[in-house]
Protein backbone atom coordinates (compact mmCIF):
# COMPACT_ATOMS: atom_id res chain seq x y z
CA MET A 1 58.44 154.17 119.40
CA THR A 2 56.03 154.18 116.49
CA THR A 3 52.59 152.63 116.59
CA PRO A 4 52.47 148.92 115.80
CA PRO A 5 51.48 148.08 112.21
CA ASP A 6 48.03 146.80 111.33
CA LEU A 7 48.20 143.00 111.03
CA LYS A 8 45.29 142.86 108.56
CA VAL A 9 47.34 144.29 105.67
CA ILE A 10 49.81 141.40 105.62
CA ASP A 11 47.66 139.63 103.01
CA GLY A 12 46.95 142.75 100.98
CA GLY A 13 49.47 142.10 98.22
CA PRO A 14 53.19 142.77 97.75
CA GLN A 15 52.98 146.52 98.33
CA ASP A 16 51.05 146.11 101.56
CA ARG A 17 53.39 143.32 102.75
CA HIS A 18 56.41 145.52 102.06
CA ALA A 19 54.91 148.45 103.94
CA PHE A 20 53.81 146.15 106.76
CA LEU A 21 57.25 144.58 107.11
CA HIS A 22 58.85 148.02 107.06
CA GLU A 23 56.59 149.24 109.85
CA LEU A 24 57.08 146.04 111.82
CA TYR A 25 60.85 146.40 111.51
CA LYS A 26 60.72 150.07 112.52
CA SER A 27 58.63 149.20 115.56
CA TYR A 28 60.37 146.06 116.78
CA GLY A 29 63.67 145.69 114.88
CA GLY A 30 65.74 147.10 117.73
CA SER A 31 64.18 144.78 120.29
CA VAL A 32 64.65 141.72 118.09
CA TYR A 33 68.27 142.67 117.37
CA GLY A 34 68.88 143.26 121.09
CA ARG A 35 67.57 139.79 121.95
CA CYS A 36 69.71 138.20 119.25
CA ARG A 37 72.79 140.16 120.33
CA PHE A 38 72.26 139.16 123.97
CA LEU A 39 71.96 135.46 123.12
CA LEU A 40 74.61 135.20 120.40
CA LYS A 41 77.17 137.63 121.86
CA ASP A 42 78.21 138.63 118.33
CA ALA A 43 76.97 141.68 116.43
CA THR A 44 77.28 140.19 112.94
CA LYS A 45 75.55 136.95 113.88
CA ALA A 46 72.87 138.96 115.66
CA GLU A 47 72.19 141.06 112.56
CA ASP A 48 71.82 137.93 110.44
CA ALA A 49 69.59 136.28 113.01
CA ALA A 50 67.36 139.35 113.30
CA GLN A 51 66.93 139.40 109.53
CA GLU A 52 65.96 135.71 109.64
CA VAL A 53 63.30 136.50 112.23
CA PHE A 54 61.70 139.06 109.93
CA VAL A 55 61.88 136.62 107.03
CA ARG A 56 59.77 134.28 109.15
CA VAL A 57 57.10 136.98 109.22
CA LEU A 58 56.79 136.62 105.46
CA LEU A 59 56.87 132.83 105.63
CA GLN A 60 54.43 132.45 108.52
CA PRO A 61 52.02 135.41 108.42
CA ALA A 62 49.11 133.42 109.88
CA SER A 63 51.16 132.55 112.94
CA LEU A 64 51.97 136.21 113.54
CA ARG A 65 48.35 137.24 112.97
CA THR A 66 47.07 134.80 115.62
CA ALA A 67 49.67 135.84 118.19
CA ASN A 68 48.59 137.94 121.17
CA SER A 69 51.22 140.53 120.42
CA PRO A 70 53.58 140.98 117.45
CA LEU A 71 56.44 141.77 119.81
CA ALA A 72 55.89 138.63 121.87
CA TRP A 73 55.77 136.51 118.70
CA LEU A 74 58.92 138.12 117.28
CA MET A 75 60.82 137.69 120.55
CA LYS A 76 59.78 134.03 120.76
CA VAL A 77 60.92 133.40 117.19
CA ALA A 78 64.17 135.31 117.81
CA THR A 79 64.89 133.32 120.96
CA HIS A 80 64.22 129.96 119.30
CA HIS A 81 66.25 130.87 116.23
CA CYS A 82 69.25 132.03 118.27
CA LEU A 83 69.15 128.97 120.53
CA ASN A 84 69.04 126.74 117.44
CA LEU A 85 72.09 128.55 116.08
CA LEU A 86 73.94 128.06 119.35
CA ARG A 87 73.00 124.36 119.40
CA ALA A 88 74.21 123.96 115.82
CA GLU A 89 77.57 125.46 116.79
CA GLN A 90 77.95 122.73 119.41
CA ALA A 91 76.99 119.89 117.05
CA PRO A 92 79.57 117.06 116.92
CA TRP A 93 79.85 117.22 113.12
CA ARG A 94 81.00 120.84 113.34
CA ARG A 95 84.00 119.97 115.52
CA SER A 96 85.10 117.18 113.19
CA PHE A 97 84.62 119.47 110.16
CA GLU A 98 86.73 122.22 111.76
CA ARG A 99 89.39 119.69 112.76
CA ASP A 100 89.54 118.38 109.18
CA GLU A 101 89.78 121.92 107.82
CA LEU A 102 92.71 122.69 110.13
CA ALA A 103 94.46 119.46 109.17
CA ARG A 104 94.23 120.23 105.45
CA PRO A 105 97.60 121.38 104.08
CA GLU A 106 97.86 125.03 103.13
CA GLY A 107 98.70 124.31 99.53
CA ASP A 108 95.60 122.16 99.14
CA GLY A 109 93.23 123.50 96.76
CA GLY A 110 90.84 126.19 96.29
CA GLU A 111 90.55 128.02 93.01
CA ARG A 112 94.07 127.13 91.93
CA THR A 113 93.23 123.43 91.97
CA LEU A 114 90.13 124.08 89.88
CA GLU A 115 92.12 126.17 87.40
CA THR A 116 94.75 123.44 87.11
CA ARG A 117 92.09 120.77 86.63
CA ASP A 118 90.42 122.84 83.90
CA LEU A 119 93.77 123.41 82.17
CA VAL A 120 94.59 119.69 82.21
CA ARG A 121 91.15 118.84 80.83
CA SER A 122 91.58 121.42 78.10
CA LEU A 123 94.99 120.04 77.15
CA LEU A 124 93.74 116.46 77.17
CA SER A 125 90.88 117.41 74.87
CA ARG A 126 93.45 118.52 72.27
CA VAL A 127 95.02 115.06 71.90
CA ASP A 128 93.71 111.73 70.65
CA PRO A 129 92.03 109.24 73.02
CA GLU A 130 95.02 106.89 73.09
CA THR A 131 97.35 109.70 74.20
CA GLN A 132 94.77 110.74 76.80
CA ALA A 133 94.76 107.20 78.17
CA ALA A 134 98.56 107.04 78.20
CA VAL A 135 98.80 110.36 80.07
CA VAL A 136 96.21 109.37 82.65
CA HIS A 137 97.66 105.91 83.24
CA TYR A 138 101.22 107.21 83.49
CA TRP A 139 100.76 110.47 85.42
CA VAL A 140 97.57 109.88 87.39
CA ASP A 141 97.59 106.13 87.98
CA GLY A 142 101.38 106.00 88.43
CA MET A 143 101.90 103.10 86.02
CA THR A 144 105.28 102.42 84.43
CA LEU A 145 105.88 102.88 80.72
CA GLU A 146 105.88 99.10 80.30
CA GLU A 147 102.53 98.76 82.09
CA VAL A 148 100.96 101.53 80.00
CA ALA A 149 102.33 100.00 76.79
CA ALA A 150 100.93 96.58 77.71
CA LEU A 151 97.56 98.06 78.63
CA LEU A 152 97.28 100.03 75.38
CA GLY A 153 98.77 97.29 73.20
CA ARG A 154 101.58 99.59 71.99
CA SER A 155 105.35 99.54 72.25
CA VAL A 156 107.21 101.39 75.01
CA PRO A 157 108.80 103.82 72.48
CA THR A 158 105.31 104.65 71.12
CA VAL A 159 103.97 105.38 74.60
CA ARG A 160 107.07 107.45 75.41
CA LYS A 161 106.61 109.41 72.17
CA ARG A 162 102.95 110.14 73.02
CA LEU A 163 103.86 111.26 76.55
CA GLU A 164 106.63 113.49 75.19
CA GLY A 165 104.18 115.01 72.70
CA PHE A 166 101.73 115.79 75.49
CA ALA A 167 104.54 117.27 77.61
CA ALA A 168 105.56 119.49 74.67
CA LEU A 169 101.96 120.66 74.27
CA THR A 170 101.76 121.39 77.99
CA ASN A 171 105.06 123.29 77.98
CA GLU A 172 103.93 125.28 74.95
CA GLU A 173 100.64 126.17 76.65
CA LEU A 174 102.40 127.17 79.87
CA GLU A 175 105.18 128.92 77.91
CA VAL A 176 107.90 126.84 79.54
CA PRO A 177 111.20 126.94 77.55
């Protein structure tokens, strides 16, 4: 094991902080990771947690400087951080979130939904406001042709013609024969 780094250099500027953190990690990184691995029982989570512990060194240098021993301070921070992670995994909101995620249908969403939404917005921007309203009321709101016509103050054939025009534009954009 290498000699522990000098705690005075932590405030000596970015270069000194970098060198200090490097030495601190070389000296105690394995011990911190071991504590995190023991508590979390997962190598990936332990790596992330150990990194968080060393981030705390940069965020709370005064606390480390006043500690009796850097190793004791790091182990205390590692233990508290890991226990907080374990508590968060047991939080009631997490179970309801996971249940909701499992209940979501497979075809629901993701990037494809965003792409579709962007395509629809793009197509709507290429038609006049009255056609936009007719499309939204008919296809999104589920209104009948008669209801859309009454709402827009137009005849049913006019609304039908606008909807057919939008459908033709959509088919052209999607290259549907």
